[in-house]
Amino acid sequence: MKRGALPLNALRALESAARLGGMSRAADELGVTYGAVSRQVRMLEARLGVTLFEGPRNRPRPSATALRLLPALTAAFDGIEAAVARAAVRPEGPVVLDISCLGTLTMRWLIPRLYGFRAAHPGIELRLTENDGPVAFRAQGPDVAIRVGGTRPADWPGARIAHLFPDRTGPVLSPALMPAGGLRSPAALASLPWLHTRSRPRAWHDWIAASGAPLTADPASLAEATAGYEHFYFLLEAAVTGLGVAAAPEILVRDDIASGRLIAPFGFCPTGRNYVLLTPDPPGPEAEAFGAWLLDLVTREDMAENTAEVTAPPT
């Protein structure tokens, strides 16, 4: 098929309808009527000789063929949007880089380090938003995102993936809460208040599973008798002030451990997940600059602080 003969409007309607799961949502996104989207899809079906939407007429759903086409179409239109944005005349003044990141990671690790990026790139203004969900690099989406999860392309469709650091978790507490005789084994944690949060209800389960710690207590039952917090950063501050022991990712308490505000008596164990930097493919110049700075920062911190060592708890 000649490139000039590609039915771009029809392909755009199909991509939007298949991605959003319906023609009504596609019409809203594209700013056209339901009938216009339906006509474009029917025209494409006739041209290709395949069924792209099936099911009831009032609620058609994408066919298997449409879903097979979707990843390539989404990547193509995302690439067009990114290329047009890069080619556009830039307004005078700072360029805004929209960073989407997990809230507690933003507060406790990223923001304290952003002075380095601002010093190196004074012409780039940073806009931080909290999000831990799927990432869509479209016109209204972020320029870069930091997430925790897998590292395969299938885990983050349409994104360029750069590994930052593995997710490691372990119990942390204030030195003031440490028993006089110390904690000789993880089983001794049962004598301390366990802190819980609604945003990470399985934090203790994850550490027990990852470490193999010989704890017979059920964290869910302990939650009834110990303190619970709505947000994870509330929980970490509670741990710092000595209100209890928290199961926390190493990266979120790295600075607190370095300053002596928290201790990790049994180290940290890998959960199998990873923190990743996600950018469009290809990224814009500002996103590329931020990614290069962030990866260099992670490398320097790991070399200087040597806090990445995984320590299995004694049994």
Foldseek 3Di string as FASTA:
>chain_A
DDPVPDPVVLLLLLLQCQVVFHLCRSCVVVVHDSVVSVVSPVVVCVVVVHDQWDDDPVRTGGDPVSVVCRLVSLLVVLVVQQVVVQPDDDDPAAAEAEEEEADLCCVQPVVVPCVVVCVVCVRYHYDYDYDADAFRNDPPGGQKYKYKFDQDCVVHRQWDKDFQAFWWKAKKAFPVQADPVGDPFPQVLVVWAEEEEPVCRCLVVLQCVQQVGPYPDDVVVSPVVHYYYHDPVVRVVCRLVGRTMYIDTCSSCVVVVVVRSMDGRQFIGGSPMTIIMIGGVVHHPVSVSVVVVSNVVSVVCCVVVVRRDGGRTDD
